[in-house]
């Protein structure tokens, strides 16, 4: 069914053109970079959800993301994982992930920042801090709720960053990098309390599910066999299927197909590739197979989905 072609979907980098992906044309907001496409040092942007589009993605992004929800909720997806964050929930995103934000409630409000790896590299090296801050890596839990006190403290750090941007003092980038690190420290303390190590819960279906979907998000274009993921997770394919089914009501293979469909939707919405080109980019041996696959999952053909999204 799949053809091995080493290619991947267009990635959205952090540059001035990105503003149009998540913001409406408006001038009623005055926080951070809400009303400008400019970025600090070409690698940092700070925003609120005022004038943010009600539907964003699915899109693959090549930058880090930290969001803090202050009211309401929305449907937030990272790869195969979907969350309904509420007040005091912090959300992280890392380069290379497909994300979307859909169905915000009328009272939904959040602060969020986007920054490149180059911007943060002097202060925070991802490899060095992967164990300490697993939520800034795809293997960790990237959306979790904090206490009211913790949420208020992190909100104050967002305000500090906003003050730095407005004042444009010397060493503004350095100050913001340090504030980001403080946000990670505060989030890390909550994370350590909330999520026991995977080794302590290796038999838990929810832990196995989380590890599986994160592996699928990383390898789905080249690995589609459930047995291959079972090997990566050091369990049998039968055990993996039972665990996934008990936790999600879907089979492991259905989740792999779902990830392929998410990638296909991103291509259809945000690229100029033809349907045939998308089929081959997703490793289908024939465009007709891709059409049948997509319609089976979504009840619409790729062309119908693309036309509806325009």
Protein backbone atom coordinates (compact mmCIF):
# COMPACT_ATOMS: atom_id res chain seq x y z
CA UNK A 1 0.00 0.00 0.00
CA UNK A 2 2.80 2.39 0.83
CA UNK A 3 5.71 3.42 -1.32
CA UNK A 4 9.00 4.31 0.37
CA UNK A 5 9.76 7.89 -0.68
CA UNK A 6 11.86 9.94 1.78
CA UNK A 7 9.87 13.19 1.85
CA UNK A 8 7.77 15.08 4.33
CA UNK A 9 5.17 17.82 4.62
CA UNK A 10 6.00 21.50 4.40
CA UNK A 11 7.16 22.83 7.74
CA UNK A 12 6.16 26.25 9.01
CA UNK A 13 9.19 28.08 10.28
CA UNK A 14 9.12 31.06 12.60
CA UNK A 15 9.24 34.01 10.22
CA UNK A 16 7.06 37.08 9.51
CA UNK A 17 4.81 35.17 7.11
CA UNK A 18 3.68 32.88 9.96
CA UNK A 19 1.56 35.64 11.53
CA UNK A 20 -1.17 35.04 8.94
CA UNK A 21 -1.42 31.38 9.97
CA UNK A 22 -2.78 32.14 13.43
CA UNK A 23 -3.88 35.79 13.51
CA UNK A 24 -6.72 37.77 11.93
CA UNK A 25 -6.11 41.24 10.49
CA UNK A 26 -7.12 43.48 13.38
CA UNK A 27 -5.78 46.24 15.62
CA UNK A 28 -7.80 45.76 18.80
CA UNK A 29 -5.11 43.85 20.74
CA UNK A 30 -2.10 45.42 22.43
CA UNK A 31 -0.23 42.47 23.93
CA UNK A 32 3.17 41.32 22.71
CA UNK A 33 3.22 40.90 18.93
CA UNK A 34 -0.53 40.47 18.50
CA UNK A 35 -0.63 43.19 15.86
CA UNK A 36 2.68 42.75 14.12
CA UNK A 37 4.36 40.07 12.06
CA UNK A 38 7.75 41.19 13.33
CA UNK A 39 9.72 38.85 15.58
CA UNK A 40 12.28 39.60 18.25
CA UNK A 41 15.74 38.75 16.87
CA UNK A 42 13.94 36.86 14.13
CA UNK A 43 13.13 34.03 16.51
CA UNK A 44 10.61 34.97 19.23
CA UNK A 45 6.96 36.01 19.28
CA UNK A 46 4.59 36.67 22.19
CA UNK A 47 0.81 36.67 21.74
CA UNK A 48 -2.62 36.49 23.33
CA UNK A 49 -5.62 34.77 21.76
CA UNK A 50 -7.28 38.11 21.04
CA UNK A 51 -7.90 38.13 17.27
CA UNK A 52 -6.55 34.61 16.93
CA UNK A 53 -8.25 32.51 14.28
CA UNK A 54 -10.91 30.12 15.59
CA UNK A 55 -9.46 27.29 13.53
CA UNK A 56 -5.70 26.76 13.15
CA UNK A 57 -4.10 23.79 11.41
CA UNK A 58 -3.47 20.97 11.16
CA UNK A 59 0.00 22.29 10.38
CA UNK A 60 3.53 21.06 11.00
CA UNK A 61 5.68 23.67 12.73
CA UNK A 62 9.42 24.06 13.21
CA UNK A 63 9.51 25.99 16.47
CA UNK A 64 8.73 25.68 20.17
CA UNK A 65 5.41 26.72 21.65
CA UNK A 66 4.33 27.48 25.23
CA UNK A 67 0.72 28.38 25.94
CA UNK A 68 -1.12 29.18 29.18
CA UNK A 69 -4.91 28.93 29.24
CA UNK A 70 -6.63 31.49 31.47
CA UNK A 71 -10.31 30.89 30.65
CA UNK A 72 -12.59 28.73 28.54
CA UNK A 73 -11.35 25.77 26.54
CA UNK A 74 -10.63 24.56 23.01
CA UNK A 75 -9.80 21.34 21.19
CA UNK A 76 -6.03 21.19 20.97
CA UNK A 77 -4.29 18.40 19.05
CA UNK A 78 -0.63 17.43 18.88
CA UNK A 79 -0.13 14.54 16.50
CA UNK A 80 -2.57 11.84 17.64
CA UNK A 81 -3.14 13.36 21.07
CA UNK A 82 -6.13 15.62 21.66
CA UNK A 83 -6.58 17.77 24.74
CA UNK A 84 -9.30 20.03 26.18
CA UNK A 85 -7.22 22.47 28.22
CA UNK A 86 -8.91 24.59 30.87
CA UNK A 87 -7.76 27.38 33.19
CA UNK A 88 -4.18 27.00 34.42
CA UNK A 89 -3.36 24.39 31.80
CA UNK A 90 0.06 24.82 30.21
CA UNK A 91 0.63 23.49 26.69
CA UNK A 92 3.97 22.82 25.03
CA UNK A 93 4.89 22.14 21.42
CA UNK A 94 8.22 21.17 19.88
CA UNK A 95 9.63 21.38 16.35
CA UNK A 96 8.32 18.85 13.84
CA UNK A 97 4.90 18.23 15.38
CA UNK A 98 1.56 18.53 13.60
CA UNK A 99 -0.78 20.64 15.71
CA UNK A 100 -4.22 22.16 15.46
CA UNK A 101 -6.50 24.35 17.55
CA UNK A 102 -10.24 23.99 16.95
CA UNK A 103 -13.62 24.74 18.53
CA UNK A 104 -12.67 27.41 21.10
CA UNK A 105 -15.45 28.42 23.45
CA UNK A 106 -16.60 32.04 23.43
CA UNK A 107 -14.68 32.72 26.65
CA UNK A 108 -11.48 31.02 25.52
CA UNK A 109 -8.43 33.09 26.34
CA UNK A 110 -4.75 32.21 26.53
CA UNK A 111 -1.27 33.62 26.29
CA UNK A 112 1.27 31.90 24.10
CA UNK A 113 4.81 32.31 22.84
CA UNK A 114 6.60 30.88 19.83
CA UNK A 115 10.37 30.67 19.62
CA UNK A 116 13.02 29.03 17.48
CA UNK A 117 15.69 26.66 18.71
CA UNK A 118 18.34 29.23 17.75
CA UNK A 119 16.69 31.82 19.99
CA UNK A 120 16.83 29.63 23.08
CA UNK A 121 19.96 27.58 22.37
CA UNK A 122 22.33 29.59 24.54
CA UNK A 123 20.07 29.24 27.58
CA UNK A 124 18.34 25.92 26.99
CA UNK A 125 19.81 23.04 25.02
CA UNK A 126 17.03 20.47 24.29
CA UNK A 127 19.33 17.45 24.63
CA UNK A 128 20.72 18.58 27.96
CA UNK A 129 17.31 19.29 29.49
CA UNK A 130 15.32 16.43 27.97
CA UNK A 131 15.27 14.46 31.23
CA UNK A 132 14.69 17.48 33.43
CA UNK A 133 11.91 18.89 31.24
CA UNK A 134 10.38 15.94 29.32
CA UNK A 135 7.42 18.09 28.23
CA UNK A 136 9.67 19.91 25.73
CA UNK A 137 10.29 16.63 23.95
CA UNK A 138 7.76 14.53 22.05
CA UNK A 139 8.07 11.64 24.54
CA UNK A 140 6.74 13.68 27.47
CA UNK A 141 3.22 14.78 28.40
CA UNK A 142 2.89 18.17 26.71
CA UNK A 143 -0.38 19.42 28.17
CA UNK A 144 -1.13 19.43 31.91
CA UNK A 145 -2.98 21.50 34.48
CA UNK A 146 -1.27 23.38 37.29
CA UNK A 147 -2.56 24.82 40.54
CA UNK A 148 -4.07 28.30 40.66
CA UNK A 149 -0.95 29.61 42.35
CA UNK A 150 1.33 28.05 39.72
CA UNK A 151 -0.81 29.34 36.88
CA UNK A 152 -0.77 32.86 38.29
CA UNK A 153 3.01 32.72 38.72
CA UNK A 154 3.55 31.67 35.11
CA UNK A 155 1.10 34.35 33.93
CA UNK A 156 3.26 36.92 35.76
CA UNK A 157 6.28 35.67 33.79
CA UNK A 158 4.36 36.18 30.53
CA UNK A 159 3.67 39.75 31.71
CA UNK A 160 7.38 40.23 32.52
CA UNK A 161 8.25 39.16 28.98
CA UNK A 162 5.64 41.56 27.61
CA UNK A 163 7.18 44.38 29.66
CA UNK A 164 10.60 43.60 28.19
CA UNK A 165 9.21 43.69 24.65
CA UNK A 166 7.44 47.00 25.20
CA UNK A 167 10.43 48.66 26.90
CA UNK A 168 13.05 47.32 24.44
CA UNK A 169 15.78 47.53 27.05
CA UNK A 170 19.32 46.38 26.44
CA UNK A 171 19.76 42.59 26.46
CA UNK A 172 16.00 42.10 25.98
CA UNK A 173 16.50 38.71 24.31
CA UNK A 174 18.70 37.48 27.13
CA UNK A 175 16.11 38.56 29.71
CA UNK A 176 13.33 36.77 27.83
CA UNK A 177 15.41 33.59 27.58
CA UNK A 178 15.81 33.61 31.36
CA UNK A 179 12.08 34.14 31.87
CA UNK A 180 11.38 31.17 29.58
CA UNK A 181 13.71 29.08 31.70
CA UNK A 182 11.81 30.17 34.83
CA UNK A 183 8.56 29.06 33.17
CA UNK A 184 10.12 25.65 32.47
CA UNK A 185 11.34 25.37 36.07
CA UNK A 186 7.86 26.11 37.43
CA UNK A 187 6.22 23.70 34.98
CA UNK A 188 8.85 21.07 35.78
CA UNK A 189 8.03 21.14 39.48
CA UNK A 190 4.37 20.46 38.75
CA UNK A 191 5.27 17.77 36.21
CA UNK A 192 7.48 15.91 38.69
CA UNK A 193 4.57 15.72 41.15
CA UNK A 194 1.92 14.86 38.58
CA UNK A 195 3.61 12.23 36.41
CA UNK A 196 5.47 9.31 37.98
CA UNK A 197 8.23 7.89 35.83
CA UNK A 198 7.24 5.53 33.03
CA UNK A 199 9.15 2.73 34.70
CA UNK A 200 6.90 2.95 37.75
CA UNK A 201 3.79 2.61 35.56
CA UNK A 202 5.06 0.45 32.70
CA UNK A 203 2.01 -1.80 32.88
CA UNK A 204 -0.50 1.05 32.78
CA UNK A 205 -2.48 1.22 29.53
CA UNK A 206 -2.49 5.02 29.55
CA UNK A 207 1.31 5.14 29.74
CA UNK A 208 1.66 2.57 26.96
CA UNK A 209 -0.88 4.49 24.87
CA UNK A 210 1.02 7.76 25.32
CA UNK A 211 4.34 6.20 24.38
CA UNK A 212 2.77 4.49 21.36
CA UNK A 213 1.12 7.59 19.89
CA UNK A 214 4.29 9.61 20.31
CA UNK A 215 6.28 6.95 18.47
CA UNK A 216 3.65 6.89 15.73
CA UNK A 217 3.83 10.70 15.45
CA UNK A 218 7.55 10.41 14.82
CA UNK A 219 7.75 7.32 12.57
CA UNK A 220 4.38 6.91 10.81
CA UNK A 221 5.67 7.72 7.32
CA UNK A 222 8.19 4.89 7.38
CA UNK A 223 6.72 2.46 9.94
CA UNK A 224 3.12 1.24 9.63
CA UNK A 225 3.26 -2.23 11.19
CA UNK A 226 1.90 -2.62 14.71
CA UNK A 227 4.48 -5.32 15.40
CA UNK A 228 7.30 -2.83 14.73
CA UNK A 229 5.94 -0.44 17.36
CA UNK A 230 5.47 -3.33 19.77
CA UNK A 231 9.16 -4.14 19.36
CA UNK A 232 10.08 -0.51 20.10
CA UNK A 233 7.98 -0.67 23.27
CA UNK A 234 9.27 -4.11 24.34
CA UNK A 235 5.80 -5.68 24.44
CA UNK A 236 4.02 -8.18 22.22
CA UNK A 237 1.78 -6.94 19.40
CA UNK A 238 -1.22 -8.60 21.10
CA UNK A 239 -0.48 -6.85 24.39
CA UNK A 240 -0.05 -3.52 22.63
CA UNK A 241 -3.33 -3.91 20.75
CA UNK A 242 -5.23 -4.82 23.92
CA UNK A 243 -3.77 -1.87 25.81
CA UNK A 244 -4.51 0.61 23.01
CA UNK A 245 -8.03 -0.73 22.54
CA UNK A 246 -8.82 -0.61 26.26
CA UNK A 247 -7.65 2.98 26.55
CA UNK A 248 -8.80 4.54 23.27
CA UNK A 249 -11.49 2.21 21.88
CA UNK A 250 -9.43 2.15 18.68
CA UNK A 251 -6.97 -0.42 17.43
CA UNK A 252 -3.29 0.38 17.10
CA UNK A 253 -3.57 0.18 13.33
CA UNK A 254 -6.51 2.60 13.31
CA UNK A 255 -4.37 5.13 15.17
CA UNK A 256 -1.55 4.75 12.64
CA UNK A 257 -4.07 5.40 9.85
CA UNK A 258 -5.37 8.39 11.78
CA UNK A 259 -1.89 9.92 11.91
CA UNK A 260 -1.46 9.42 8.15
CA UNK A 261 -4.84 11.11 7.64
CA UNK A 262 -3.81 14.07 9.81
CA UNK A 263 -0.68 14.52 7.70
CA UNK A 264 -2.74 14.25 4.51
CA UNK A 265 -5.13 16.97 5.73
CA UNK A 266 -2.21 19.29 6.40
CA UNK A 267 -0.91 18.74 2.86
CA UNK A 268 -4.35 19.32 1.38
CA UNK A 269 -4.94 22.54 3.30
CA UNK A 270 -1.51 24.14 3.23
CA UNK A 271 0.33 22.95 0.12
CA UNK A 272 -0.01 23.29 -3.64
CA UNK A 273 0.83 19.63 -4.29
CA UNK A 274 -1.55 17.70 -6.52
CA UNK A 275 -3.48 14.77 -5.08
CA UNK A 276 -1.14 12.37 -6.89
CA UNK A 277 1.93 14.11 -5.47
CA UNK A 278 0.49 13.97 -1.95
CA UNK A 279 -0.23 10.27 -2.37
CA UNK A 280 3.40 9.55 -3.20
CA UNK A 281 4.71 11.87 -0.49
CA UNK A 282 2.67 9.85 2.02
CA UNK A 283 4.22 6.63 0.67
CA UNK A 284 1.17 5.29 -1.16
CA UNK A 285 2.08 3.23 -4.20
CA UNK A 286 -0.83 4.57 -6.23
CA UNK A 287 -3.04 7.70 -6.02
CA UNK A 288 -6.16 5.54 -6.25
CA UNK A 289 -5.11 3.75 -3.05
CA UNK A 290 -4.73 7.12 -1.34
CA UNK A 291 -8.19 8.22 -2.50
CA UNK A 292 -9.79 5.03 -1.19
CA UNK A 293 -7.88 5.26 2.08
CA UNK A 294 -8.77 8.92 2.68
CA UNK A 295 -12.44 8.46 1.84
CA UNK A 296 -12.70 5.43 4.13
CA UNK A 297 -11.36 7.46 7.06
CA UNK A 298 -13.02 10.83 6.42
CA UNK A 299 -16.08 10.03 4.27
CA UNK A 300 -14.82 12.51 1.67
CA UNK A 301 -12.32 12.35 -1.17
CA UNK A 302 -9.07 14.34 -0.95
CA UNK A 303 -10.42 16.78 -3.55
CA UNK A 304 -13.64 17.27 -1.61
CA UNK A 305 -11.70 17.96 1.59
CA UNK A 306 -9.38 20.42 -0.16
CA UNK A 307 -12.26 22.31 -1.80
CA UNK A 308 -14.13 22.52 1.51
CA UNK A 309 -11.05 23.90 3.27
CA UNK A 310 -10.48 26.71 0.78
